[in-house]
């Protein structure tokens, strides 16, 4: 077997080995997004965007501190890849400083 024949054999053997390997798979990452903007002392505009995968919204819920009140009804917009929720809230005279704002369910989405 000459050098060319040996090279063809090695290439063919590598192709057979590579074809037998399982395909690498990665988790698709579609992050949630939360924007909090203070519009006046103690008043905030919130934008919460959650991804939609295979037609289903990820089970994420925005958790706000006790005592927070809506200034007007939330507006929800359904997009093909996400659900966008806009809220306007009154967090009282001390605002959100030192308070906990969380995205409930997020810990189950990260692996």
PDB file of N, CA and C in Angstrom:
ATOM      1  N   UNK A   1       0.865  -1.159   0.000  1.00  0.00           N
ATOM      2  CA  UNK A   1       0.000   0.000   0.000  1.00  0.00           C
ATOM      3  C   UNK A   1       0.910   1.219   0.000  1.00  0.00           C
ATOM      4  N   UNK A   2       0.672   2.133  -0.958  1.00  0.00           N
ATOM      5  CA  UNK A   2       1.488   3.329  -1.070  1.00  0.00           C
ATOM      6  C   UNK A   2       1.016   4.402  -0.100  1.00  0.00           C
ATOM      7  N   UNK A   3       1.680   5.547  -0.119  1.00  0.00           N
ATOM      8  CA  UNK A   3       1.351   6.671   0.767  1.00  0.00           C
ATOM      9  C   UNK A   3      -0.051   7.180   0.468  1.00  0.00           C
ATOM     10  N   UNK A   4      -0.436   7.286  -0.800  1.00  0.00           N
ATOM     11  CA  UNK A   4      -1.768   7.761  -1.166  1.00  0.00           C
ATOM     12  C   UNK A   4      -2.828   6.775  -0.689  1.00  0.00           C
ATOM     13  N   UNK A   5      -2.584   5.498  -0.864  1.00  0.00           N
ATOM     14  CA  UNK A   5      -3.528   4.485  -0.407  1.00  0.00           C
ATOM     15  C   UNK A   5      -3.688   4.513   1.104  1.00  0.00           C
ATOM     16  N   UNK A   6      -2.584   4.679   1.820  1.00  0.00           N
ATOM     17  CA  UNK A   6      -2.614   4.753   3.278  1.00  0.00           C
ATOM     18  C   UNK A   6      -3.377   5.996   3.734  1.00  0.00           C
ATOM     19  N   UNK A   7      -3.162   7.115   3.074  1.00  0.00           N
ATOM     20  CA  UNK A   7      -3.856   8.360   3.419  1.00  0.00           C
ATOM     21  C   UNK A   7      -5.362   8.202   3.220  1.00  0.00           C
ATOM     22  N   UNK A   8      -5.769   7.555   2.120  1.00  0.00           N
ATOM     23  CA  UNK A   8      -7.193   7.320   1.863  1.00  0.00           C
ATOM     24  C   UNK A   8      -7.786   6.411   2.936  1.00  0.00           C
ATOM     25  N   UNK A   9      -7.039   5.420   3.337  1.00  0.00           N
ATOM     26  CA  UNK A   9      -7.491   4.491   4.373  1.00  0.00           C
ATOM     27  C   UNK A   9      -7.691   5.233   5.694  1.00  0.00           C
ATOM     28  N   UNK A  10      -6.743   6.094   6.063  1.00  0.00           N
ATOM     29  CA  UNK A  10      -6.825   6.851   7.325  1.00  0.00           C
ATOM     30  C   UNK A  10      -8.029   7.798   7.288  1.00  0.00           C
ATOM     31  N   UNK A  11      -8.211   8.496   6.172  1.00  0.00           N
ATOM     32  CA  UNK A  11      -9.342   9.420   6.045  1.00  0.00           C
ATOM     33  C   UNK A  11     -10.661   8.646   6.135  1.00  0.00           C
ATOM     34  N   UNK A  12     -10.754   7.520   5.448  1.00  0.00           N
ATOM     35  CA  UNK A  12     -11.981   6.713   5.486  1.00  0.00           C
ATOM     36  C   UNK A  12     -12.249   6.212   6.900  1.00  0.00           C
ATOM     37  N   UNK A  13     -11.218   5.786   7.608  1.00  0.00           N
ATOM     38  CA  UNK A  13     -11.381   5.292   8.975  1.00  0.00           C
ATOM     39  C   UNK A  13     -11.846   6.421   9.899  1.00  0.00           C
ATOM     40  N   UNK A  14     -11.299   7.614   9.738  1.00  0.00           N
ATOM     41  CA  UNK A  14     -11.723   8.761  10.560  1.00  0.00           C
ATOM     42  C   UNK A  14     -13.178   9.120  10.288  1.00  0.00           C
ATOM     43  N   UNK A  15     -13.593   9.087   9.030  1.00  0.00           N
ATOM     44  CA  UNK A  15     -14.980   9.394   8.700  1.00  0.00           C
ATOM     45  C   UNK A  15     -15.942   8.385   9.323  1.00  0.00           C
ATOM     46  N   UNK A  16     -15.559   7.125   9.306  1.00  0.00           N
ATOM     47  CA  UNK A  16     -16.397   6.091   9.930  1.00  0.00           C
ATOM     48  C   UNK A  16     -16.490   6.333  11.432  1.00  0.00           C
ATOM     49  N   UNK A  17     -15.371   6.662  12.076  1.00  0.00           N
ATOM     50  CA  UNK A  17     -15.377   6.929  13.515  1.00  0.00           C
ATOM     51  C   UNK A  17     -16.220   8.150  13.850  1.00  0.00           C
ATOM     52  N   UNK A  18     -16.067   9.220  13.084  1.00  0.00           N
ATOM     53  CA  UNK A  18     -16.830  10.445  13.345  1.00  0.00           C
ATOM     54  C   UNK A  18     -18.324  10.239  13.122  1.00  0.00           C
ATOM     55  N   UNK A  19     -18.683   9.448  12.136  1.00  0.00           N
ATOM     56  CA  UNK A  19     -20.098   9.191  11.862  1.00  0.00           C
ATOM     57  C   UNK A  19     -20.757   8.437  13.014  1.00  0.00           C
ATOM     58  N   UNK A  20     -19.986   7.663  13.744  1.00  0.00           N
ATOM     59  CA  UNK A  20     -20.537   6.878  14.845  1.00  0.00           C
ATOM     60  C   UNK A  20     -20.655   7.637  16.151  1.00  0.00           C
ATOM     61  N   UNK A  21     -20.075   8.836  16.234  1.00  0.00           N
ATOM     62  CA  UNK A  21     -20.145   9.610  17.475  1.00  0.00           C
ATOM     63  C   UNK A  21     -21.507  10.275  17.607  1.00  0.00           C
ATOM     64  N   UNK A  22     -22.023  10.360  18.819  1.00  0.00           N
ATOM     65  CA  UNK A  22     -23.301  11.054  18.992  1.00  0.00           C
ATOM     66  C   UNK A  22     -23.120  12.545  18.720  1.00  0.00           C
ATOM     67  N   UNK A  23     -24.160  13.151  18.195  1.00  0.00           N
ATOM     68  CA  UNK A  23     -24.104  14.583  17.906  1.00  0.00           C
ATOM     69  C   UNK A  23     -24.074  15.356  19.220  1.00  0.00           C
ATOM     70  N   UNK A  24     -23.297  16.397  19.258  1.00  0.00           N
ATOM     71  CA  UNK A  24     -23.235  17.248  20.442  1.00  0.00           C
ATOM     72  C   UNK A  24     -24.521  18.061  20.520  1.00  0.00           C
ATOM     73  N   UNK A  25     -25.080  18.153  21.710  1.00  0.00           N
ATOM     74  CA  UNK A  25     -26.303  18.917  21.890  1.00  0.00           C
ATOM     75  C   UNK A  25     -26.073  19.943  22.976  1.00  0.00           C
ATOM     76  N   UNK A  26     -26.622  21.109  22.764  1.00  0.00           N
ATOM     77  CA  UNK A  26     -26.515  22.175  23.749  1.00  0.00           C
ATOM     78  C   UNK A  26     -27.923  22.640  24.097  1.00  0.00           C
ATOM     79  N   UNK A  27     -28.073  23.155  25.311  1.00  0.00           N
ATOM     80  CA  UNK A  27     -29.350  23.723  25.700  1.00  0.00           C
ATOM     81  C   UNK A  27     -29.524  25.045  24.980  1.00  0.00           C
ATOM     82  N   UNK A  28     -30.716  25.232  24.437  1.00  0.00           N
ATOM     83  CA  UNK A  28     -31.009  26.511  23.820  1.00  0.00           C
ATOM     84  C   UNK A  28     -31.213  27.518  24.938  1.00  0.00           C
ATOM     85  N   UNK A  29     -30.579  28.648  24.834  1.00  0.00           N
ATOM     86  CA  UNK A  29     -30.670  29.653  25.881  1.00  0.00           C
ATOM     87  C   UNK A  29     -31.567  30.793  25.423  1.00  0.00           C
ATOM     88  N   UNK A  30     -32.637  30.991  26.130  1.00  0.00           N
ATOM     89  CA  UNK A  30     -33.523  32.120  25.887  1.00  0.00           C
ATOM     90  C   UNK A  30     -33.752  32.781  27.233  1.00  0.00           C
ATOM     91  N   UNK A  31     -32.986  33.784  27.524  1.00  0.00           N
ATOM     92  CA  UNK A  31     -33.062  34.377  28.857  1.00  0.00           C
ATOM     93  C   UNK A  31     -34.324  35.203  29.085  1.00  0.00           C
ATOM     94  N   UNK A  32     -34.745  35.228  30.331  1.00  0.00           N
ATOM     95  CA  UNK A  32     -35.796  36.148  30.752  1.00  0.00           C
ATOM     96  C   UNK A  32     -35.130  37.511  30.929  1.00  0.00           C
ATOM     97  N   UNK A  33     -35.934  38.563  30.893  1.00  0.00           N
ATOM     98  CA  UNK A  33     -35.392  39.913  30.994  1.00  0.00           C
ATOM     99  C   UNK A  33     -36.307  40.727  31.891  1.00  0.00           C
ATOM    100  N   UNK A  34     -35.711  41.446  32.823  1.00  0.00           N
ATOM    101  CA  UNK A  34     -36.472  42.321  33.707  1.00  0.00           C
ATOM    102  C   UNK A  34     -35.810  43.687  33.724  1.00  0.00           C
ATOM    103  N   UNK A  35     -36.595  44.703  33.409  1.00  0.00           N
ATOM    104  CA  UNK A  35     -36.108  46.081  33.459  1.00  0.00           C
ATOM    105  C   UNK A  35     -36.965  46.840  34.462  1.00  0.00           C
ATOM    106  N   UNK A  36     -36.315  47.514  35.405  1.00  0.00           N
ATOM    107  CA  UNK A  36     -37.021  48.320  36.403  1.00  0.00           C
ATOM    108  C   UNK A  36     -36.501  49.746  36.279  1.00  0.00           C
ATOM    109  N   UNK A  37     -37.424  50.668  36.003  1.00  0.00           N
ATOM    110  CA  UNK A  37     -37.030  52.060  35.813  1.00  0.00           C
ATOM    111  C   UNK A  37     -37.869  52.936  36.742  1.00  0.00           C
ATOM    112  N   UNK A  38     -37.213  53.715  37.584  1.00  0.00           N
ATOM    113  CA  UNK A  38     -37.942  54.603  38.488  1.00  0.00           C
ATOM    114  C   UNK A  38     -38.399  55.823  37.689  1.00  0.00           C
ATOM    115  N   UNK A  39     -39.709  56.088  37.712  1.00  0.00           N
ATOM    116  CA  UNK A  39     -40.273  57.200  36.944  1.00  0.00           C
ATOM    117  C   UNK A  39     -40.568  58.415  37.823  1.00  0.00           C
ATOM    118  N   UNK A  40     -40.712  58.202  39.110  1.00  0.00           N
ATOM    119  CA  UNK A  40     -40.936  59.237  40.110  1.00  0.00           C
ATOM    120  C   UNK A  40     -40.570  58.590  41.448  1.00  0.00           C
ATOM    121  N   UNK A  41     -40.375  59.363  42.504  1.00  0.00           N
ATOM    122  CA  UNK A  41     -40.028  58.737  43.778  1.00  0.00           C
ATOM    123  C   UNK A  41     -41.044  57.661  44.190  1.00  0.00           C
ATOM    124  N   UNK A  42     -40.570  56.425  44.294  1.00  0.00           N
ATOM    125  CA  UNK A  42     -41.410  55.296  44.689  1.00  0.00           C
ATOM    126  C   UNK A  42     -42.256  54.705  43.572  1.00  0.00           C
ATOM    127  N   UNK A  43     -42.241  55.306  42.390  1.00  0.00           N
ATOM    128  CA  UNK A  43     -43.018  54.805  41.250  1.00  0.00           C
ATOM    129  C   UNK A  43     -42.067  54.225  40.213  1.00  0.00           C
ATOM    130  N   UNK A  44     -42.452  53.070  39.654  1.00  0.00           N
ATOM    131  CA  UNK A  44     -41.565  52.351  38.734  1.00  0.00           C
ATOM    132  C   UNK A  44     -42.334  51.845  37.529  1.00  0.00           C
ATOM    133  N   UNK A  45     -41.628  51.806  36.401  1.00  0.00           N
ATOM    134  CA  UNK A  45     -42.126  51.138  35.196  1.00  0.00           C
ATOM    135  C   UNK A  45     -41.332  49.845  35.069  1.00  0.00           C
ATOM    136  N   UNK A  46     -42.034  48.724  34.923  1.00  0.00           N
ATOM    137  CA  UNK A  46     -41.383  47.417  34.812  1.00  0.00           C
ATOM    138  C   UNK A  46     -41.661  46.819  33.443  1.00  0.00           C
ATOM    139  N   UNK A  47     -40.664  46.199  32.885  1.00  0.00           N
ATOM    140  CA  UNK A  47     -40.814  45.429  31.659  1.00  0.00           C
ATOM    141  C   UNK A  47     -40.254  44.046  31.968  1.00  0.00           C
ATOM    142  N   UNK A  48     -41.104  43.028  31.846  1.00  0.00           N
ATOM    143  CA  UNK A  48     -40.711  41.658  32.152  1.00  0.00           C
ATOM    144  C   UNK A  48     -40.977  40.812  30.923  1.00  0.00           C
ATOM    145  N   UNK A  49     -39.917  40.287  30.348  1.00  0.00           N
ATOM    146  CA  UNK A  49     -40.030  39.493  29.126  1.00  0.00           C
ATOM    147  C   UNK A  49     -39.637  38.057  29.440  1.00  0.00           C
ATOM    148  N   UNK A  50     -40.544  37.120  29.151  1.00  0.00           N
ATOM    149  CA  UNK A  50     -40.259  35.709  29.383  1.00  0.00           C
ATOM    150  C   UNK A  50     -40.300  34.963  28.052  1.00  0.00           C
ATOM    151  N   UNK A  51     -39.368  34.051  27.847  1.00  0.00           N
ATOM    152  CA  UNK A  51     -39.327  33.324  26.579  1.00  0.00           C
ATOM    153  C   UNK A  51     -40.471  32.335  26.412  1.00  0.00           C
ATOM    154  N   UNK A  52     -40.801  32.071  25.162  1.00  0.00           N
ATOM    155  CA  UNK A  52     -41.781  31.054  24.801  1.00  0.00           C
ATOM    156  C   UNK A  52     -41.030  29.995  24.003  1.00  0.00           C
ATOM    157  N   UNK A  53     -41.082  28.749  24.472  1.00  0.00           N
ATOM    158  CA  UNK A  53     -40.424  27.634  23.794  1.00  0.00           C
ATOM    159  C   UNK A  53     -41.471  26.633  23.353  1.00  0.00           C
ATOM    160  N   UNK A  54     -41.454  26.280  22.097  1.00  0.00           N
ATOM    161  CA  UNK A  54     -42.399  25.305  21.530  1.00  0.00           C
ATOM    162  C   UNK A  54     -43.841  25.705  21.835  1.00  0.00           C
ATOM    163  N   UNK A  55     -44.127  27.002  21.744  1.00  0.00           N
ATOM    164  CA  UNK A  55     -45.485  27.486  21.960  1.00  0.00           C
ATOM    165  C   UNK A  55     -45.902  27.601  23.405  1.00  0.00           C
ATOM    166  N   UNK A  56     -44.989  27.328  24.339  1.00  0.00           N
ATOM    167  CA  UNK A  56     -45.329  27.391  25.770  1.00  0.00           C
ATOM    168  C   UNK A  56     -44.426  28.392  26.475  1.00  0.00           C
ATOM    169  N   UNK A  57     -45.038  29.224  27.290  1.00  0.00           N
ATOM    170  CA  UNK A  57     -44.288  30.195  28.079  1.00  0.00           C
ATOM    171  C   UNK A  57     -43.566  29.464  29.195  1.00  0.00           C
ATOM    172  N   UNK A  58     -42.316  29.850  29.438  1.00  0.00           N
ATOM    173  CA  UNK A  58     -41.615  29.268  30.584  1.00  0.00           C
ATOM    174  C   UNK A  58     -42.334  29.696  31.856  1.00  0.00           C
ATOM    175  N   UNK A  59     -42.453  28.805  32.834  1.00  0.00           N
ATOM    176  CA  UNK A  59     -43.221  29.104  34.054  1.00  0.00           C
ATOM    177  C   UNK A  59     -42.442  30.021  35.005  1.00  0.00           C
ATOM    178  N   UNK A  60     -42.313  31.267  34.621  1.00  0.00           N
ATOM    179  CA  UNK A  60     -41.616  32.262  35.429  1.00  0.00           C
ATOM    180  C   UNK A  60     -42.624  33.309  35.884  1.00  0.00           C
ATOM    181  N   UNK A  61     -42.518  33.705  37.151  1.00  0.00           N
ATOM    182  CA  UNK A  61     -43.451  34.672  37.724  1.00  0.00           C
ATOM    183  C   UNK A  61     -42.637  35.762  38.415  1.00  0.00           C
ATOM    184  N   UNK A  62     -43.013  36.990  38.156  1.00  0.00           N
ATOM    185  CA  UNK A  62     -42.357  38.123  38.792  1.00  0.00           C
ATOM    186  C   UNK A  62     -42.865  38.268  40.214  1.00  0.00           C
ATOM    187  N   UNK A  63     -41.955  38.245  41.173  1.00  0.00           N
ATOM    188  CA  UNK A  63     -42.314  38.391  42.582  1.00  0.00           C
ATOM    189  C   UNK A  63     -41.907  39.760  43.092  1.00  0.00           C
ATOM    190  N   UNK A  64     -42.889  40.539  43.521  1.00  0.00           N
ATOM    191  CA  UNK A  64     -42.637  41.892  44.031  1.00  0.00           C
ATOM    192  C   UNK A  64     -42.867  41.926  45.537  1.00  0.00           C
ATOM    193  N   UNK A  65     -42.251  42.878  46.221  1.00  0.00           N
ATOM    194  CA  UNK A  65     -42.412  42.973  47.677  1.00  0.00           C
ATOM    195  C   UNK A  65     -43.872  43.236  48.074  1.00  0.00           C
ATOM    196  N   UNK A  66     -44.200  42.848  49.302  1.00  0.00           N
ATOM    197  CA  UNK A  66     -45.540  43.127  49.839  1.00  0.00           C
ATOM    198  C   UNK A  66     -45.765  44.628  49.869  1.00  0.00           C
ATOM    199  N   UNK A  67     -46.980  45.019  49.649  1.00  0.00           N
ATOM    200  CA  UNK A  67     -47.335  46.432  49.716  1.00  0.00           C
ATOM    201  C   UNK A  67     -47.204  47.169  48.391  1.00  0.00           C
ATOM    202  N   UNK A  68     -46.622  46.551  47.380  1.00  0.00           N
ATOM    203  CA  UNK A  68     -46.510  47.186  46.071  1.00  0.00           C
ATOM    204  C   UNK A  68     -47.892  47.185  45.420  1.00  0.00           C
ATOM    205  N   UNK A  69     -48.278  48.343  44.864  1.00  0.00           N
ATOM    206  CA  UNK A  69     -49.600  48.471  44.239  1.00  0.00           C
ATOM    207  C   UNK A  69     -49.438  48.837  42.766  1.00  0.00           C
ATOM    208  N   UNK A  70     -50.327  48.298  41.945  1.00  0.00           N
ATOM    209  CA  UNK A  70     -50.347  48.665  40.534  1.00  0.00           C
ATOM    210  C   UNK A  70     -50.919  50.070  40.394  1.00  0.00           C
ATOM    211  N   UNK A  71     -50.253  50.916  39.602  1.00  0.00           N
ATOM    212  CA  UNK A  71     -50.777  52.238  39.310  1.00  0.00           C
ATOM    213  C   UNK A  71     -51.821  52.173  38.202  1.00  0.00           C
ATOM    214  N   UNK A  72     -51.659  51.207  37.309  1.00  0.00           N
ATOM    215  CA  UNK A  72     -52.661  50.913  36.278  1.00  0.00           C
ATOM    216  C   UNK A  72     -52.534  49.443  35.919  1.00  0.00           C
ATOM    217  N   UNK A  73     -53.503  48.953  35.192  1.00  0.00           N
ATOM    218  CA  UNK A  73     -53.541  47.523  34.855  1.00  0.00           C
ATOM    219  C   UNK A  73     -52.315  47.132  34.021  1.00  0.00           C
ATOM    220  N   UNK A  74     -51.736  45.958  34.308  1.00  0.00           N
ATOM    221  CA  UNK A  74     -50.610  45.485  33.501  1.00  0.00           C
ATOM    222  C   UNK A  74     -51.029  45.294  32.041  1.00  0.00           C
ATOM    223  N   UNK A  75     -50.072  45.487  31.136  1.00  0.00           N
ATOM    224  CA  UNK A  75     -50.297  45.278  29.708  1.00  0.00           C
ATOM    225  C   UNK A  75     -49.439  44.090  29.289  1.00  0.00           C
ATOM    226  N   UNK A  76     -50.065  43.082  28.669  1.00  0.00           N
ATOM    227  CA  UNK A  76     -49.344  41.879  28.254  1.00  0.00           C
ATOM    228  C   UNK A  76     -49.398  41.778  26.737  1.00  0.00           C
ATOM    229  N   UNK A  77     -48.236  41.577  26.144  1.00  0.00           N
ATOM    230  CA  UNK A  77     -48.120  41.460  24.694  1.00  0.00           C
ATOM    231  C   UNK A  77     -47.525  40.093  24.375  1.00  0.00           C
ATOM    232  N   UNK A  78     -48.203  39.319  23.531  1.00  0.00           N
ATOM    233  CA  UNK A  78     -47.715  38.002  23.137  1.00  0.00           C
ATOM    234  C   UNK A  78     -46.969  38.120  21.815  1.00  0.00           C
ATOM    235  N   UNK A  79     -45.706  37.759  21.819  1.00  0.00           N
ATOM    236  CA  UNK A  79     -44.885  37.714  20.620  1.00  0.00           C
ATOM    237  C   UNK A  79     -44.633  36.253  20.269  1.00  0.00           C
ATOM    238  N   UNK A  80     -44.070  35.984  19.121  1.00  0.00           N
ATOM    239  CA  UNK A  80     -43.833  34.591  18.733  1.00  0.00           C
ATOM    240  C   UNK A  80     -42.806  33.912  19.624  1.00  0.00           C
ATOM    241  N   UNK A  81     -41.811  34.657  20.108  1.00  0.00           N
ATOM    242  CA  UNK A  81     -40.742  34.050  20.902  1.00  0.00           C
ATOM    243  C   UNK A  81     -40.772  34.421  22.373  1.00  0.00           C
ATOM    244  N   UNK A  82     -41.713  35.281  22.777  1.00  0.00           N
ATOM    245  CA  UNK A  82     -41.735  35.706  24.178  1.00  0.00           C
ATOM    246  C   UNK A  82     -43.068  36.351  24.540  1.00  0.00           C
ATOM    247  N   UNK A  83     -43.238  36.511  25.839  1.00  0.00           N
ATOM    248  CA  UNK A  83     -44.386  37.203  26.397  1.00  0.00           C
ATOM    249  C   UNK A  83     -43.835  38.432  27.111  1.00  0.00           C
ATOM    250  N   UNK A  84     -44.357  39.599  26.772  1.00  0.00           N
ATOM    251  CA  UNK A  84     -43.860  40.849  27.354  1.00  0.00           C
ATOM    252  C   UNK A  84     -44.942  41.428  28.251  1.00  0.00           C
ATOM    253  N   UNK A  85     -44.578  41.641  29.513  1.00  0.00           N
ATOM    254  CA  UNK A  85     -45.503  42.219  30.487  1.00  0.00           C
ATOM    255  C   UNK A  85     -44.954  43.577  30.909  1.00  0.00           C
ATOM    256  N   UNK A  86     -45.787  44.596  30.806  1.00  0.00           N
ATOM    257  CA  UNK A  86     -45.415  45.943  31.256  1.00  0.00           C
ATOM    258  C   UNK A  86     -46.300  46.308  32.444  1.00  0.00           C
ATOM    259  N   UNK A  87     -45.643  46.814  33.497  1.00  0.00           N
ATOM    260  CA  UNK A  87     -46.373  47.191  34.704  1.00  0.00           C
ATOM    261  C   UNK A  87     -45.881  48.531  35.193  1.00  0.00           C
ATOM    262  N   UNK A  88     -46.781  49.235  35.859  1.00  0.00           N
ATOM    263  CA  UNK A  88     -46.461  50.501  36.482  1.00  0.00           C
ATOM    264  C   UNK A  88     -46.888  50.370  37.937  1.00  0.00           C
ATOM    265  N   UNK A  89     -45.928  50.517  38.845  1.00  0.00           N
ATOM    266  CA  UNK A  89     -46.211  50.213  40.253  1.00  0.00           C
ATOM    267  C   UNK A  89     -45.844  51.376  41.165  1.00  0.00           C
ATOM    268  N   UNK A  90     -46.458  51.356  42.336  1.00  0.00           N
ATOM    269  CA  UNK A  90     -46.150  52.283  43.422  1.00  0.00           C
ATOM    270  C   UNK A  90     -45.598  51.425  44.558  1.00  0.00           C
ATOM    271  N   UNK A  91     -44.335  51.636  44.899  1.00  0.00           N
ATOM    272  CA  UNK A  91     -43.700  50.856  45.964  1.00  0.00           C
ATOM    273  C   UNK A  91     -43.672  51.610  47.284  1.00  0.00           C
ATOM    274  N   UNK A  92     -44.356  52.735  47.366  1.00  0.00           N
ATOM    275  CA  UNK A  92     -44.404  53.489  48.604  1.00  0.00           C
ATOM    276  C   UNK A  92     -43.272  54.493  48.711  1.00  0.00           C
ATOM    277  N   UNK A  93     -43.235  55.237  49.817  1.00  0.00           N
ATOM    278  CA  UNK A  93     -42.262  56.330  49.964  1.00  0.00           C
ATOM    279  C   UNK A  93     -40.795  55.869  49.982  1.00  0.00           C
ATOM    280  N   UNK A  94     -40.527  54.639  50.403  1.00  0.00           N
ATOM    281  CA  UNK A  94     -39.141  54.158  50.436  1.00  0.00           C
ATOM    282  C   UNK A  94     -38.719  53.466  49.134  1.00  0.00           C
ATOM    283  N   UNK A  95     -39.655  53.313  48.220  1.00  0.00           N
ATOM    284  CA  UNK A  95     -39.343  52.690  46.939  1.00  0.00           C
ATOM    285  C   UNK A  95     -38.943  51.232  47.092  1.00  0.00           C
ATOM    286  N   UNK A  96     -38.095  50.760  46.199  1.00  0.00           N
ATOM    287  CA  UNK A  96     -37.643  49.363  46.202  1.00  0.00           C
ATOM    288  C   UNK A  96     -36.274  49.182  46.870  1.00  0.00           C
ATOM    289  N   UNK A  97     -35.704  50.256  47.385  1.00  0.00           N
ATOM    290  CA  UNK A  97     -34.388  50.167  48.019  1.00  0.00           C
ATOM    291  C   UNK A  97     -34.424  49.163  49.166  1.00  0.00           C
ATOM    292  N   UNK A  98     -33.547  48.177  49.118  1.00  0.00           N
ATOM    293  CA  UNK A  98     -33.450  47.160  50.156  1.00  0.00           C
ATOM    294  C   UNK A  98     -34.521  46.083  50.083  1.00  0.00           C
ATOM    295  N   UNK A  99     -35.394  46.156  49.092  1.00  0.00           N
ATOM    296  CA  UNK A  99     -36.465  45.171  48.940  1.00  0.00           C
ATOM    297  C   UNK A  99     -36.036  44.072  47.973  1.00  0.00           C
ATOM    298  N   UNK A 100     -36.735  42.956  48.036  1.00  0.00           N
ATOM    299  CA  UNK A 100     -36.415  41.804  47.185  1.00  0.00           C
ATOM    300  C   UNK A 100     -37.397  41.729  46.020  1.00  0.00           C
ATOM    301  N   UNK A 101     -36.843  41.755  44.826  1.00  0.00           N
ATOM    302  CA  UNK A 101     -37.604  41.523  43.599  1.00  0.00           C
ATOM    303  C   UNK A 101     -37.032  40.237  43.024  1.00  0.00           C
ATOM    304  N   UNK A 102     -37.885  39.273  42.717  1.00  0.00           N
ATOM    305  CA  UNK A 102     -37.371  37.996  42.238  1.00  0.00           C
ATOM    306  C   UNK A 102     -38.154  37.477  41.047  1.00  0.00           C
ATOM    307  N   UNK A 103     -37.524  36.561  40.334  1.00  0.00           N
ATOM    308  CA  UNK A 103     -38.183  35.860  39.242  1.00  0.00           C
ATOM    309  C   UNK A 103     -38.357  34.416  39.728  1.00  0.00           C
ATOM    310  N   UNK A 104     -39.570  34.139  40.180  1.00  0.00           N
ATOM    311  CA  UNK A 104     -39.858  32.808  40.728  1.00  0.00           C
ATOM    312  C   UNK A 104     -39.890  31.777  39.606  1.00  0.00           C
ATOM    313  N   UNK A 105     -39.259  30.633  39.843  1.00  0.00           N
ATOM    314  CA  UNK A 105     -39.202  29.564  38.854  1.00  0.00           C
ATOM    315  C   UNK A 105     -37.919  29.579  38.040  1.00  0.00           C
ATOM    316  N   UNK A 106     -37.140  30.641  38.127  1.00  0.00           N
ATOM    317  CA  UNK A 106     -35.916  30.757  37.337  1.00  0.00           C
ATOM    318  C   UNK A 106     -34.896  29.684  37.746  1.00  0.00           C
ATOM    319  N   UNK A 107     -34.863  29.349  39.026  1.00  0.00           N
ATOM    320  CA  UNK A 107     -33.900  28.345  39.506  1.00  0.00           C
ATOM    321  C   UNK A 107     -34.121  26.989  38.872  1.00  0.00           C
ATOM    322  N   UNK A 108     -35.333  26.706  38.381  1.00  0.00           N
ATOM    323  CA  UNK A 108     -35.614  25.417  37.749  1.00  0.00           C
ATOM    324  C   UNK A 108     -35.262  25.408  36.263  1.00  0.00           C
ATOM    325  N   UNK A 109     -34.975  26.572  35.709  1.00  0.00           N
ATOM    326  CA  UNK A 109     -34.689  26.676  34.273  1.00  0.00           C
ATOM    327  C   UNK A 109     -33.201  26.626  33.968  1.00  0.00           C
ATOM    328  N   UNK A 110     -32.365  26.821  34.958  1.00  0.00           N
ATOM    329  CA  UNK A 110     -30.922  26.858  34.754  1.00  0.00           C
ATOM    330  C   UNK A 110     -30.344  25.501  35.134  1.00  0.00           C
ATOM    331  N   UNK A 111     -29.637  24.893  34.190  1.00  0.00           N
ATOM    332  CA  UNK A 111     -29.030  23.594  34.494  1.00  0.00           C
ATOM    333  C   UNK A 111     -27.627  23.532  33.969  1.00  0.00           C
TER     334      UNK A 111
END
